């Protein structure tokens, strides 16, 4: 595409000088320089992130979260009266708690 040989750069500079004028050309050149600097910085950050992710993929996977704690032991259940159904036991237990 654009190889940047000296005669081509000279022609581009002369055309830019004619189109933009001597007062505006330095401002435009500085703006283009800032854009190129920002683009290079973003490309460098992107490359660094890609390299970091590649390094992370090479490392063995380690589970960083500890296993969940064991559930607490079950509370002893209330004694069941002989001949009582599970529904009546649940209802009487909820009445005793004040629900």
Protein backbone atom coordinates (compact mmCIF):
# COMPACT_ATOMS: atom_id res chain seq x y z
CA UNK A 1 0.00 0.00 0.00
CA UNK A 2 1.90 3.08 1.22
CA UNK A 3 5.61 2.46 1.49
CA UNK A 4 6.53 6.02 2.48
CA UNK A 5 9.26 6.82 -0.01
CA UNK A 6 10.65 10.34 0.21
CA UNK A 7 9.21 11.73 -3.07
CA UNK A 8 5.72 10.50 -2.10
CA UNK A 9 6.00 12.08 1.35
CA UNK A 10 7.20 15.35 -0.19
CA UNK A 11 4.22 15.49 -2.56
CA UNK A 12 1.80 14.76 0.32
CA UNK A 13 3.42 17.50 2.42
CA UNK A 14 3.21 20.08 -0.39
CA UNK A 15 -0.45 19.26 -1.10
CA UNK A 16 -1.29 19.47 2.63
CA UNK A 17 0.53 22.81 2.85
CA UNK A 18 -1.47 24.20 -0.08
CA UNK A 19 -4.82 22.84 1.16
CA UNK A 20 -4.47 23.62 4.87
CA UNK A 21 -2.17 26.63 4.78
CA UNK A 22 0.92 27.33 6.87
CA UNK A 23 -1.03 28.28 10.00
CA UNK A 24 -3.30 25.25 10.24
CA UNK A 25 -0.81 22.59 9.09
CA UNK A 26 1.07 22.34 12.45
CA UNK A 27 -2.23 21.96 14.35
CA UNK A 28 -3.37 19.17 12.03
CA UNK A 29 0.02 17.47 12.22
CA UNK A 30 -0.10 17.58 16.04
CA UNK A 31 -3.63 16.18 16.03
CA UNK A 32 -2.65 13.34 13.69
CA UNK A 33 0.40 12.65 15.88
CA UNK A 34 -1.83 12.39 18.99
CA UNK A 35 -4.22 10.04 17.18
CA UNK A 36 -1.35 7.83 16.08
CA UNK A 37 0.09 7.82 19.62
CA UNK A 38 -3.29 6.83 21.09
CA UNK A 39 -3.74 4.12 18.46
CA UNK A 40 -0.29 2.70 19.22
CA UNK A 41 -0.99 2.77 22.97
CA UNK A 42 -4.29 0.93 22.49
CA UNK A 43 -2.61 -1.63 20.23
CA UNK A 44 0.12 -2.15 22.84
CA UNK A 45 -2.47 -2.63 25.61
CA UNK A 46 -4.40 -5.08 23.45
CA UNK A 47 -1.25 -7.06 22.66
CA UNK A 48 -0.27 -7.13 26.35
CA UNK A 49 -3.72 -8.40 27.33
CA UNK A 50 -3.57 -11.11 24.68
CA UNK A 51 -0.13 -12.21 25.88
CA UNK A 52 -1.36 -12.25 29.49
CA UNK A 53 -4.34 -14.39 28.56
CA UNK A 54 -2.08 -16.76 26.63
CA UNK A 55 0.12 -17.11 29.72
CA UNK A 56 -2.98 -17.79 31.84
CA UNK A 57 -4.05 -20.54 29.46
CA UNK A 58 -0.64 -22.21 29.76
CA UNK A 59 -0.83 -22.35 33.58
CA UNK A 60 -2.61 -25.30 35.17
CA UNK A 61 -6.13 -24.52 36.27
CA UNK A 62 -6.47 -24.13 40.03
CA UNK A 63 -9.83 -23.74 41.73
CA UNK A 64 -9.48 -20.44 43.62
CA UNK A 65 -12.70 -20.87 45.62
CA UNK A 66 -12.62 -23.13 48.67
CA UNK A 67 -15.23 -25.87 48.93
CA UNK A 68 -18.46 -24.87 50.67
CA UNK A 69 -18.65 -25.59 54.39
CA UNK A 70 -20.35 -28.79 55.53
CA UNK A 71 -24.03 -28.35 56.42
CA UNK A 72 -24.78 -28.10 60.13
CA UNK A 73 -26.09 -31.24 61.81
CA UNK A 74 -29.85 -31.62 61.74
CA UNK A 75 -31.71 -30.38 64.82
CA UNK A 76 -33.47 -33.08 66.84
CA UNK A 77 -37.10 -33.32 65.85
CA UNK A 78 -39.96 -32.93 68.27
CA UNK A 79 -41.37 -36.19 69.65
CA UNK A 80 -44.32 -37.46 67.68
CA UNK A 81 -47.45 -38.39 69.59
CA UNK A 82 -48.76 -41.87 68.87
CA UNK A 83 -51.49 -41.78 66.22
CA UNK A 84 -50.57 -38.24 65.03
CA UNK A 85 -50.27 -37.48 61.31
CA UNK A 86 -47.31 -35.49 59.91
CA UNK A 87 -49.61 -32.54 59.06
CA UNK A 88 -50.94 -32.25 62.59
CA UNK A 89 -47.38 -32.48 63.99
CA UNK A 90 -46.24 -29.66 61.70
CA UNK A 91 -49.23 -27.51 62.61
CA UNK A 92 -48.76 -28.04 66.36
CA UNK A 93 -45.03 -27.26 66.07
CA UNK A 94 -45.77 -24.00 64.24
CA UNK A 95 -48.32 -23.01 66.91
CA UNK A 96 -45.77 -23.66 69.64
CA UNK A 97 -43.26 -21.30 67.92
CA UNK A 98 -45.83 -18.54 67.73
CA UNK A 99 -46.28 -18.50 63.94
